[in-house]
Amino acid sequence: MGSKLFAWLLFGLVGMAAFGYGKKQQKPKAMLLGAALMGYPYLVDGALALWLVGAGLTAALFVDSI
């Protein structure tokens, strides 16, 4: 349970920061990924899945070709 709660908190904060950055800089990709990071824990069950999806979405923030 602790690992899932930490994943919710960590990726929620990363998502909120990414969304705010995207809104301020007018970058739709960052806004979309930020919203996805804040919302995906409601759809994904299991600690490993939370970490893998969260890590993938966070990594996507730093890839320029998407």
C-alpha atoms as a PDB file:
ATOM      1  CA  MET A   1       0.000   0.000   0.000  1.00  0.00           C
ATOM      2  CA  GLY A   2       2.824   2.421   0.794  1.00  0.00           C
ATOM      3  CA  SER A   3       4.394   2.018  -2.631  1.00  0.00           C
ATOM      4  CA  LYS A   4       1.104   2.780  -4.373  1.00  0.00           C
ATOM      5  CA  LEU A   5       0.471   5.832  -2.231  1.00  0.00           C
ATOM      6  CA  PHE A   6       3.969   7.151  -2.898  1.00  0.00           C
ATOM      7  CA  ALA A   7       3.496   6.606  -6.660  1.00  0.00           C
ATOM      8  CA  TRP A   8       0.186   8.524  -6.572  1.00  0.00           C
ATOM      9  CA  LEU A   9       1.833  11.406  -4.740  1.00  0.00           C
ATOM     10  CA  LEU A  10       5.036  11.510  -6.788  1.00  0.00           C
ATOM     11  CA  PHE A  11       3.465  11.287 -10.233  1.00  0.00           C
ATOM     12  CA  GLY A  12       0.601  13.568  -9.246  1.00  0.00           C
ATOM     13  CA  LEU A  13       3.090  16.271  -8.268  1.00  0.00           C
ATOM     14  CA  VAL A  14       5.126  15.733 -11.432  1.00  0.00           C
ATOM     15  CA  GLY A  15       1.912  15.939 -13.453  1.00  0.00           C
ATOM     16  CA  MET A  16       0.814  19.132 -11.736  1.00  0.00           C
ATOM     17  CA  ALA A  17       4.196  20.735 -12.383  1.00  0.00           C
ATOM     18  CA  ALA A  18       4.200  19.601 -16.025  1.00  0.00           C
ATOM     19  CA  PHE A  19       0.663  20.879 -16.561  1.00  0.00           C
ATOM     20  CA  GLY A  20       1.518  24.262 -15.040  1.00  0.00           C
ATOM     21  CA  TYR A  21       4.687  24.512 -17.128  1.00  0.00           C
ATOM     22  CA  GLY A  22       2.806  23.577 -20.297  1.00  0.00           C
ATOM     23  CA  LYS A  23       0.091  26.109 -19.615  1.00  0.00           C
ATOM     24  CA  LYS A  24       2.572  28.893 -18.904  1.00  0.00           C
ATOM     25  CA  GLN A  25       4.777  28.096 -21.908  1.00  0.00           C
ATOM     26  CA  GLN A  26       1.816  27.207 -24.169  1.00  0.00           C
ATOM     27  CA  LYS A  27       3.102  23.671 -24.781  1.00  0.00           C
ATOM     28  CA  PRO A  28       0.157  21.329 -25.363  1.00  0.00           C
ATOM     29  CA  LYS A  29       2.297  18.188 -25.067  1.00  0.00           C
ATOM     30  CA  ALA A  30       3.364  19.071 -21.529  1.00  0.00           C
ATOM     31  CA  MET A  31      -0.213  19.956 -20.588  1.00  0.00           C
ATOM     32  CA  LEU A  32      -1.559  16.680 -21.968  1.00  0.00           C
ATOM     33  CA  LEU A  33       1.107  14.555 -20.308  1.00  0.00           C
ATOM     34  CA  GLY A  34       0.689  16.477 -17.067  1.00  0.00           C
ATOM     35  CA  ALA A  35      -3.046  15.809 -17.071  1.00  0.00           C
ATOM     36  CA  ALA A  36      -2.388  12.151 -17.877  1.00  0.00           C
ATOM     37  CA  LEU A  37       0.067  11.873 -14.984  1.00  0.00           C
ATOM     38  CA  MET A  38      -2.480  13.341 -12.597  1.00  0.00           C
ATOM     39  CA  GLY A  39      -5.310  11.114 -13.814  1.00  0.00           C
ATOM     40  CA  TYR A  40      -3.885   7.726 -14.711  1.00  0.00           C
ATOM     41  CA  PRO A  41      -3.662   6.383 -11.117  1.00  0.00           C
ATOM     42  CA  TYR A  42      -7.464   6.289 -11.038  1.00  0.00           C
ATOM     43  CA  LEU A  43      -7.425   3.865 -13.963  1.00  0.00           C
ATOM     44  CA  VAL A  44      -4.418   1.669 -13.154  1.00  0.00           C
ATOM     45  CA  ASP A  45      -4.394  -0.889 -10.369  1.00  0.00           C
ATOM     46  CA  GLY A  46      -1.291  -2.491  -8.928  1.00  0.00           C
ATOM     47  CA  ALA A  47       1.917  -0.962  -7.687  1.00  0.00           C
ATOM     48  CA  LEU A  48       4.122  -2.210 -10.524  1.00  0.00           C
ATOM     49  CA  ALA A  49       1.727  -0.926 -13.178  1.00  0.00           C
ATOM     50  CA  LEU A  50       1.537   2.466 -11.441  1.00  0.00           C
ATOM     51  CA  TRP A  51       5.317   2.780 -11.437  1.00  0.00           C
ATOM     52  CA  LEU A  52       5.780   1.600 -15.034  1.00  0.00           C
ATOM     53  CA  VAL A  53       3.070   3.801 -16.534  1.00  0.00           C
ATOM     54  CA  GLY A  54       4.180   6.779 -14.448  1.00  0.00           C
ATOM     55  CA  ALA A  55       7.802   6.339 -15.440  1.00  0.00           C
ATOM     56  CA  GLY A  56       6.819   6.064 -19.107  1.00  0.00           C
ATOM     57  CA  LEU A  57       4.688   9.198 -19.033  1.00  0.00           C
ATOM     58  CA  THR A  58       7.389  11.103 -17.157  1.00  0.00           C
ATOM     59  CA  ALA A  59      10.028   9.989 -19.662  1.00  0.00           C
ATOM     60  CA  ALA A  60       7.749  11.136 -22.487  1.00  0.00           C
ATOM     61  CA  LEU A  61       7.964  14.676 -21.079  1.00  0.00           C
ATOM     62  CA  PHE A  62      11.654  14.740 -21.963  1.00  0.00           C
ATOM     63  CA  VAL A  63      11.452  13.195 -25.447  1.00  0.00           C
ATOM     64  CA  ASP A  64      11.256  15.863 -28.128  1.00  0.00           C
ATOM     65  CA  SER A  65      10.164  13.662 -31.031  1.00  0.00           C
ATOM     66  CA  ILE A  66       6.683  12.974 -29.645  1.00  0.00           C
END
